[in-house]
Amino acid sequence: MSDTVPSTHVVSINHDRCQGHSRCCSIAPQLFDSDDLGFGVVRGDGLVPEDLLDKARLVVANCPEFAVTLKRIAKAE
């Protein structure tokens, strides 16, 4: 995607991989929560505000199960 195309980022959790370490919730509680069993869930629609992008990247790097992904998507105008 070109830098001239307005874009945003979205986080997601692969629930088949998540083991409930809760690192995502600890690092970025604004973006992640845990369900009744302690597994990570994305808050809201998963869109990452610009000011939380570094935290989202940190979550991806710190998930021991590689369950969290961050994707760049075209922004709807």
PDB file of N, CA and C in Angstrom:
ATOM      1  N   MET A   1       0.836  -1.166   0.000  1.00  0.00           N
ATOM      2  CA  MET A   1       0.000   0.000   0.000  1.00  0.00           C
ATOM      3  C   MET A   1       0.884   1.233   0.000  1.00  0.00           C
ATOM      4  N   SER A   2       0.559   2.188  -0.820  1.00  0.00           N
ATOM      5  CA  SER A   2       1.336   3.414  -0.917  1.00  0.00           C
ATOM      6  C   SER A   2       1.096   4.287   0.305  1.00  0.00           C
ATOM      7  N   ASP A   3       2.100   5.096   0.657  1.00  0.00           N
ATOM      8  CA  ASP A   3       1.956   6.010   1.784  1.00  0.00           C
ATOM      9  C   ASP A   3       0.960   7.122   1.490  1.00  0.00           C
ATOM     10  N   THR A   4       0.617   7.340   0.210  1.00  0.00           N
ATOM     11  CA  THR A   4      -0.335   8.380  -0.137  1.00  0.00           C
ATOM     12  C   THR A   4      -1.777   7.925   0.064  1.00  0.00           C
ATOM     13  N   VAL A   5      -2.005   6.642   0.220  1.00  0.00           N
ATOM     14  CA  VAL A   5      -3.343   6.109   0.458  1.00  0.00           C
ATOM     15  C   VAL A   5      -3.618   6.178   1.955  1.00  0.00           C
ATOM     16  N   PRO A   6      -4.709   6.859   2.351  1.00  0.00           N
ATOM     17  CA  PRO A   6      -5.017   6.901   3.786  1.00  0.00           C
ATOM     18  C   PRO A   6      -5.210   5.478   4.324  1.00  0.00           C
ATOM     19  N   SER A   7      -4.567   5.197   5.454  1.00  0.00           N
ATOM     20  CA  SER A   7      -4.662   3.853   6.006  1.00  0.00           C
ATOM     21  C   SER A   7      -4.773   3.907   7.518  1.00  0.00           C
ATOM     22  N   THR A   8      -5.135   2.790   8.062  1.00  0.00           N
ATOM     23  CA  THR A   8      -5.203   2.610   9.499  1.00  0.00           C
ATOM     24  C   THR A   8      -4.755   1.190   9.797  1.00  0.00           C
ATOM     25  N   HIS A   9      -4.772   0.817  11.036  1.00  0.00           N
ATOM     26  CA  HIS A   9      -4.353  -0.526  11.431  1.00  0.00           C
ATOM     27  C   HIS A   9      -5.447  -1.181  12.256  1.00  0.00           C
ATOM     28  N   VAL A  10      -5.492  -2.488  12.172  1.00  0.00           N
ATOM     29  CA  VAL A  10      -6.469  -3.261  12.931  1.00  0.00           C
ATOM     30  C   VAL A  10      -5.759  -4.451  13.580  1.00  0.00           C
ATOM     31  N   VAL A  11      -6.112  -4.733  14.839  1.00  0.00           N
ATOM     32  CA  VAL A  11      -5.547  -5.881  15.541  1.00  0.00           C
ATOM     33  C   VAL A  11      -6.568  -7.011  15.575  1.00  0.00           C
ATOM     34  N   SER A  12      -6.048  -8.222  15.641  1.00  0.00           N
ATOM     35  CA  SER A  12      -6.919  -9.392  15.786  1.00  0.00           C
ATOM     36  C   SER A  12      -6.179 -10.454  16.586  1.00  0.00           C
ATOM     37  N   ILE A  13      -6.958 -11.373  17.146  1.00  0.00           N
ATOM     38  CA  ILE A  13      -6.399 -12.482  17.919  1.00  0.00           C
ATOM     39  C   ILE A  13      -6.863 -13.786  17.292  1.00  0.00           C
ATOM     40  N   ASN A  14      -5.926 -14.682  17.052  1.00  0.00           N
ATOM     41  CA  ASN A  14      -6.240 -16.023  16.586  1.00  0.00           C
ATOM     42  C   ASN A  14      -6.569 -16.848  17.833  1.00  0.00           C
ATOM     43  N   HIS A  15      -7.845 -17.132  18.022  1.00  0.00           N
ATOM     44  CA  HIS A  15      -8.283 -17.805  19.249  1.00  0.00           C
ATOM     45  C   HIS A  15      -7.832 -19.261  19.331  1.00  0.00           C
ATOM     46  N   ASP A  16      -7.439 -19.837  18.212  1.00  0.00           N
ATOM     47  CA  ASP A  16      -6.893 -21.200  18.239  1.00  0.00           C
ATOM     48  C   ASP A  16      -5.480 -21.213  18.821  1.00  0.00           C
ATOM     49  N   ARG A  17      -4.785 -20.078  18.746  1.00  0.00           N
ATOM     50  CA  ARG A  17      -3.414 -19.992  19.250  1.00  0.00           C
ATOM     51  C   ARG A  17      -3.332 -19.434  20.671  1.00  0.00           C
ATOM     52  N   CYS A  18      -4.259 -18.562  21.029  1.00  0.00           N
ATOM     53  CA  CYS A  18      -4.198 -17.880  22.324  1.00  0.00           C
ATOM     54  C   CYS A  18      -4.258 -18.892  23.463  1.00  0.00           C
ATOM     55  N   GLN A  19      -3.331 -18.742  24.414  1.00  0.00           N
ATOM     56  CA  GLN A  19      -3.280 -19.624  25.585  1.00  0.00           C
ATOM     57  C   GLN A  19      -3.597 -18.883  26.883  1.00  0.00           C
ATOM     58  N   GLY A  20      -3.987 -17.620  26.778  1.00  0.00           N
ATOM     59  CA  GLY A  20      -4.401 -16.877  27.950  1.00  0.00           C
ATOM     60  C   GLY A  20      -3.281 -16.310  28.798  1.00  0.00           C
ATOM     61  N   HIS A  21      -2.138 -15.991  28.207  1.00  0.00           N
ATOM     62  CA  HIS A  21      -1.040 -15.388  28.961  1.00  0.00           C
ATOM     63  C   HIS A  21      -1.366 -13.963  29.416  1.00  0.00           C
ATOM     64  N   SER A  22      -2.289 -13.315  28.719  1.00  0.00           N
ATOM     65  CA  SER A  22      -2.779 -11.958  29.032  1.00  0.00           C
ATOM     66  C   SER A  22      -1.743 -10.856  28.872  1.00  0.00           C
ATOM     67  N   ARG A  23      -0.690 -11.101  28.128  1.00  0.00           N
ATOM     68  CA  ARG A  23       0.289 -10.036  27.886  1.00  0.00           C
ATOM     69  C   ARG A  23      -0.343  -8.902  27.088  1.00  0.00           C
ATOM     70  N   CYS A  24      -1.236  -9.244  26.171  1.00  0.00           N
ATOM     71  CA  CYS A  24      -1.903  -8.208  25.374  1.00  0.00           C
ATOM     72  C   CYS A  24      -2.695  -7.267  26.279  1.00  0.00           C
ATOM     73  N   CYS A  25      -3.404  -7.835  27.246  1.00  0.00           N
ATOM     74  CA  CYS A  25      -4.205  -7.032  28.178  1.00  0.00           C
ATOM     75  C   CYS A  25      -3.322  -6.168  29.070  1.00  0.00           C
ATOM     76  N   SER A  26      -2.180  -6.693  29.453  1.00  0.00           N
ATOM     77  CA  SER A  26      -1.255  -5.943  30.319  1.00  0.00           C
ATOM     78  C   SER A  26      -0.579  -4.799  29.579  1.00  0.00           C
ATOM     79  N   ILE A  27      -0.196  -5.039  28.338  1.00  0.00           N
ATOM     80  CA  ILE A  27       0.534  -4.028  27.562  1.00  0.00           C
ATOM     81  C   ILE A  27      -0.402  -2.961  26.997  1.00  0.00           C
ATOM     82  N   ALA A  28      -1.551  -3.372  26.497  1.00  0.00           N
ATOM     83  CA  ALA A  28      -2.471  -2.424  25.849  1.00  0.00           C
ATOM     84  C   ALA A  28      -3.916  -2.684  26.276  1.00  0.00           C
ATOM     85  N   PRO A  29      -4.251  -2.365  27.521  1.00  0.00           N
ATOM     86  CA  PRO A  29      -5.625  -2.597  27.984  1.00  0.00           C
ATOM     87  C   PRO A  29      -6.665  -1.767  27.232  1.00  0.00           C
ATOM     88  N   GLN A  30      -6.207  -0.727  26.525  1.00  0.00           N
ATOM     89  CA  GLN A  30      -7.116   0.071  25.708  1.00  0.00           C
ATOM     90  C   GLN A  30      -7.584  -0.707  24.477  1.00  0.00           C
ATOM     91  N   LEU A  31      -6.797  -1.700  24.061  1.00  0.00           N
ATOM     92  CA  LEU A  31      -7.098  -2.463  22.841  1.00  0.00           C
ATOM     93  C   LEU A  31      -7.571  -3.881  23.119  1.00  0.00           C
ATOM     94  N   PHE A  32      -7.199  -4.445  24.287  1.00  0.00           N
ATOM     95  CA  PHE A  32      -7.479  -5.847  24.574  1.00  0.00           C
ATOM     96  C   PHE A  32      -8.118  -6.030  25.944  1.00  0.00           C
ATOM     97  N   ASP A  33      -8.890  -7.077  26.046  1.00  0.00           N
ATOM     98  CA  ASP A  33      -9.511  -7.473  27.304  1.00  0.00           C
ATOM     99  C   ASP A  33      -9.403  -8.986  27.363  1.00  0.00           C
ATOM    100  N   SER A  34      -9.880  -9.589  28.441  1.00  0.00           N
ATOM    101  CA  SER A  34      -9.905 -11.050  28.499  1.00  0.00           C
ATOM    102  C   SER A  34     -11.340 -11.512  28.708  1.00  0.00           C
ATOM    103  N   ASP A  35     -11.632 -12.695  28.185  1.00  0.00           N
ATOM    104  CA  ASP A  35     -12.974 -13.250  28.330  1.00  0.00           C
ATOM    105  C   ASP A  35     -13.110 -13.946  29.687  1.00  0.00           C
ATOM    106  N   ASP A  36     -14.224 -14.602  29.920  1.00  0.00           N
ATOM    107  CA  ASP A  36     -14.488 -15.254  31.208  1.00  0.00           C
ATOM    108  C   ASP A  36     -13.502 -16.371  31.531  1.00  0.00           C
ATOM    109  N   LEU A  37     -12.844 -16.913  30.501  1.00  0.00           N
ATOM    110  CA  LEU A  37     -11.879 -17.991  30.714  1.00  0.00           C
ATOM    111  C   LEU A  37     -10.434 -17.490  30.738  1.00  0.00           C
ATOM    112  N   GLY A  38     -10.245 -16.184  30.582  1.00  0.00           N
ATOM    113  CA  GLY A  38      -8.910 -15.604  30.632  1.00  0.00           C
ATOM    114  C   GLY A  38      -8.207 -15.469  29.301  1.00  0.00           C
ATOM    115  N   PHE A  39      -8.884 -15.777  28.211  1.00  0.00           N
ATOM    116  CA  PHE A  39      -8.284 -15.653  26.887  1.00  0.00           C
ATOM    117  C   PHE A  39      -8.454 -14.227  26.374  1.00  0.00           C
ATOM    118  N   GLY A  40      -7.483 -13.770  25.606  1.00  0.00           N
ATOM    119  CA  GLY A  40      -7.514 -12.413  25.079  1.00  0.00           C
ATOM    120  C   GLY A  40      -8.612 -12.211  24.056  1.00  0.00           C
ATOM    121  N   VAL A  41      -9.205 -11.030  24.106  1.00  0.00           N
ATOM    122  CA  VAL A  41     -10.190 -10.602  23.111  1.00  0.00           C
ATOM    123  C   VAL A  41      -9.900  -9.156  22.747  1.00  0.00           C
ATOM    124  N   VAL A  42     -10.221  -8.805  21.521  1.00  0.00           N
ATOM    125  CA  VAL A  42     -10.023  -7.449  21.037  1.00  0.00           C
ATOM    126  C   VAL A  42     -11.205  -6.597  21.496  1.00  0.00           C
ATOM    127  N   ARG A  43     -10.901  -5.412  21.984  1.00  0.00           N
ATOM    128  CA  ARG A  43     -11.967  -4.475  22.353  1.00  0.00           C
ATOM    129  C   ARG A  43     -12.517  -3.810  21.088  1.00  0.00           C
ATOM    130  N   GLY A  44     -13.810  -3.677  21.027  1.00  0.00           N
ATOM    131  CA  GLY A  44     -14.449  -2.966  19.918  1.00  0.00           C
ATOM    132  C   GLY A  44     -14.198  -3.623  18.583  1.00  0.00           C
ATOM    133  N   ASP A  45     -13.965  -2.797  17.568  1.00  0.00           N
ATOM    134  CA  ASP A  45     -13.799  -3.290  16.196  1.00  0.00           C
ATOM    135  C   ASP A  45     -12.351  -3.606  15.836  1.00  0.00           C
ATOM    136  N   GLY A  46     -11.434  -3.399  16.770  1.00  0.00           N
ATOM    137  CA  GLY A  46     -10.027  -3.714  16.526  1.00  0.00           C
ATOM    138  C   GLY A  46      -9.229  -2.617  15.867  1.00  0.00           C
ATOM    139  N   LEU A  47      -9.885  -1.512  15.498  1.00  0.00           N
ATOM    140  CA  LEU A  47      -9.151  -0.403  14.892  1.00  0.00           C
ATOM    141  C   LEU A  47      -8.221   0.212  15.928  1.00  0.00           C
ATOM    142  N   VAL A  48      -6.998   0.484  15.514  1.00  0.00           N
ATOM    143  CA  VAL A  48      -5.974   0.993  16.423  1.00  0.00           C
ATOM    144  C   VAL A  48      -5.796   2.492  16.199  1.00  0.00           C
ATOM    145  N   PRO A  49      -6.096   3.299  17.216  1.00  0.00           N
ATOM    146  CA  PRO A  49      -5.828   4.736  17.088  1.00  0.00           C
ATOM    147  C   PRO A  49      -4.331   4.971  16.890  1.00  0.00           C
ATOM    148  N   GLU A  50      -4.008   6.021  16.180  1.00  0.00           N
ATOM    149  CA  GLU A  50      -2.605   6.322  15.863  1.00  0.00           C
ATOM    150  C   GLU A  50      -1.729   6.378  17.114  1.00  0.00           C
ATOM    151  N   ASP A  51      -2.263   6.919  18.210  1.00  0.00           N
ATOM    152  CA  ASP A  51      -1.459   7.061  19.425  1.00  0.00           C
ATOM    153  C   ASP A  51      -1.230   5.738  20.154  1.00  0.00           C
ATOM    154  N   LEU A  52      -1.913   4.666  19.742  1.00  0.00           N
ATOM    155  CA  LEU A  52      -1.715   3.346  20.350  1.00  0.00           C
ATOM    156  C   LEU A  52      -1.005   2.364  19.426  1.00  0.00           C
ATOM    157  N   LEU A  53      -0.568   2.843  18.278  1.00  0.00           N
ATOM    158  CA  LEU A  53       0.068   1.970  17.299  1.00  0.00           C
ATOM    159  C   LEU A  53       1.348   1.330  17.834  1.00  0.00           C
ATOM    160  N   ASP A  54       2.165   2.071  18.547  1.00  0.00           N
ATOM    161  CA  ASP A  54       3.388   1.490  19.122  1.00  0.00           C
ATOM    162  C   ASP A  54       3.065   0.409  20.144  1.00  0.00           C
ATOM    163  N   LYS A  55       2.026   0.621  20.951  1.00  0.00           N
ATOM    164  CA  LYS A  55       1.619  -0.408  21.918  1.00  0.00           C
ATOM    165  C   LYS A  55       1.114  -1.654  21.200  1.00  0.00           C
ATOM    166  N   ALA A  56       0.362  -1.470  20.128  1.00  0.00           N
ATOM    167  CA  ALA A  56      -0.138  -2.613  19.368  1.00  0.00           C
ATOM    168  C   ALA A  56       1.028  -3.424  18.803  1.00  0.00           C
ATOM    169  N   ARG A  57       2.032  -2.748  18.294  1.00  0.00           N
ATOM    170  CA  ARG A  57       3.220  -3.441  17.776  1.00  0.00           C
ATOM    171  C   ARG A  57       3.951  -4.184  18.891  1.00  0.00           C
ATOM    172  N   LEU A  58       4.007  -3.590  20.066  1.00  0.00           N
ATOM    173  CA  LEU A  58       4.648  -4.219  21.215  1.00  0.00           C
ATOM    174  C   LEU A  58       3.897  -5.491  21.630  1.00  0.00           C
ATOM    175  N   VAL A  59       2.585  -5.446  21.565  1.00  0.00           N
ATOM    176  CA  VAL A  59       1.779  -6.631  21.876  1.00  0.00           C
ATOM    177  C   VAL A  59       2.097  -7.764  20.903  1.00  0.00           C
ATOM    178  N   VAL A  60       2.135  -7.448  19.623  1.00  0.00           N
ATOM    179  CA  VAL A  60       2.448  -8.463  18.608  1.00  0.00           C
ATOM    180  C   VAL A  60       3.807  -9.096  18.896  1.00  0.00           C
ATOM    181  N   ALA A  61       4.786  -8.271  19.220  1.00  0.00           N
ATOM    182  CA  ALA A  61       6.141  -8.765  19.482  1.00  0.00           C
ATOM    183  C   ALA A  61       6.232  -9.585  20.764  1.00  0.00           C
ATOM    184  N   ASN A  62       5.313  -9.362  21.719  1.00  0.00           N
ATOM    185  CA  ASN A  62       5.396 -10.018  23.017  1.00  0.00           C
ATOM    186  C   ASN A  62       4.450 -11.180  23.210  1.00  0.00           C
ATOM    187  N   CYS A  63       3.606 -11.483  22.240  1.00  0.00           N
ATOM    188  CA  CYS A  63       2.705 -12.623  22.387  1.00  0.00           C
ATOM    189  C   CYS A  63       3.501 -13.914  22.175  1.00  0.00           C
ATOM    190  N   PRO A  64       3.626 -14.744  23.229  1.00  0.00           N
ATOM    191  CA  PRO A  64       4.443 -15.955  23.104  1.00  0.00           C
ATOM    192  C   PRO A  64       3.847 -17.010  22.170  1.00  0.00           C
ATOM    193  N   GLU A  65       2.565 -16.892  21.886  1.00  0.00           N
ATOM    194  CA  GLU A  65       1.904 -17.866  21.005  1.00  0.00           C
ATOM    195  C   GLU A  65       1.710 -17.337  19.587  1.00  0.00           C
ATOM    196  N   PHE A  66       2.190 -16.118  19.321  1.00  0.00           N
ATOM    197  CA  PHE A  66       2.020 -15.479  18.004  1.00  0.00           C
ATOM    198  C   PHE A  66       0.544 -15.426  17.608  1.00  0.00           C
ATOM    199  N   ALA A  67      -0.320 -15.159  18.592  1.00  0.00           N
ATOM    200  CA  ALA A  67      -1.759 -15.147  18.361  1.00  0.00           C
ATOM    201  C   ALA A  67      -2.276 -13.781  17.913  1.00  0.00           C
ATOM    202  N   VAL A  68      -1.504 -12.731  18.145  1.00  0.00           N
ATOM    203  CA  VAL A  68      -1.962 -11.378  17.828  1.00  0.00           C
ATOM    204  C   VAL A  68      -1.347 -10.918  16.514  1.00  0.00           C
ATOM    205  N   THR A  69      -2.200 -10.364  15.661  1.00  0.00           N
ATOM    206  CA  THR A  69      -1.720  -9.804  14.395  1.00  0.00           C
ATOM    207  C   THR A  69      -2.147  -8.345  14.293  1.00  0.00           C
ATOM    208  N   LEU A  70      -1.363  -7.580  13.562  1.00  0.00           N
ATOM    209  CA  LEU A  70      -1.629  -6.179  13.290  1.00  0.00           C
ATOM    210  C   LEU A  70      -1.544  -6.015  11.788  1.00  0.00           C
ATOM    211  N   LYS A  71      -2.632  -5.548  11.198  1.00  0.00           N
ATOM    212  CA  LYS A  71      -2.667  -5.369   9.745  1.00  0.00           C
ATOM    213  C   LYS A  71      -2.944  -3.920   9.401  1.00  0.00           C
ATOM    214  N   ARG A  72      -2.295  -3.471   8.361  1.00  0.00           N
ATOM    215  CA  ARG A  72      -2.536  -2.142   7.810  1.00  0.00           C
ATOM    216  C   ARG A  72      -3.633  -2.276   6.756  1.00  0.00           C
ATOM    217  N   ILE A  73      -4.649  -1.459   6.875  1.00  0.00           N
ATOM    218  CA  ILE A  73      -5.766  -1.517   5.922  1.00  0.00           C
ATOM    219  C   ILE A  73      -6.066  -0.117   5.387  1.00  0.00           C
ATOM    220  N   ALA A  74      -6.671  -0.076   4.210  1.00  0.00           N
ATOM    221  CA  ALA A  74      -7.066   1.212   3.630  1.00  0.00           C
ATOM    222  C   ALA A  74      -8.181   1.795   4.479  1.00  0.00           C
ATOM    223  N   LYS A  75      -8.091   3.087   4.710  1.00  0.00           N
ATOM    224  CA  LYS A  75      -9.089   3.781   5.525  1.00  0.00           C
ATOM    225  C   LYS A  75     -10.283   4.131   4.635  1.00  0.00           C
ATOM    226  N   ALA A  76     -11.475   3.818   5.100  1.00  0.00           N
ATOM    227  CA  ALA A  76     -12.697   4.186   4.364  1.00  0.00           C
ATOM    228  C   ALA A  76     -12.867   5.690   4.430  1.00  0.00           C
ATOM    229  N   GLU A  77     -13.187   6.274   3.291  1.00  0.00           N
ATOM    230  CA  GLU A  77     -13.357   7.733   3.269  1.00  0.00           C
ATOM    231  C   GLU A  77     -14.801   8.102   3.206  1.00  0.00           C
TER     232      GLU A  77
END
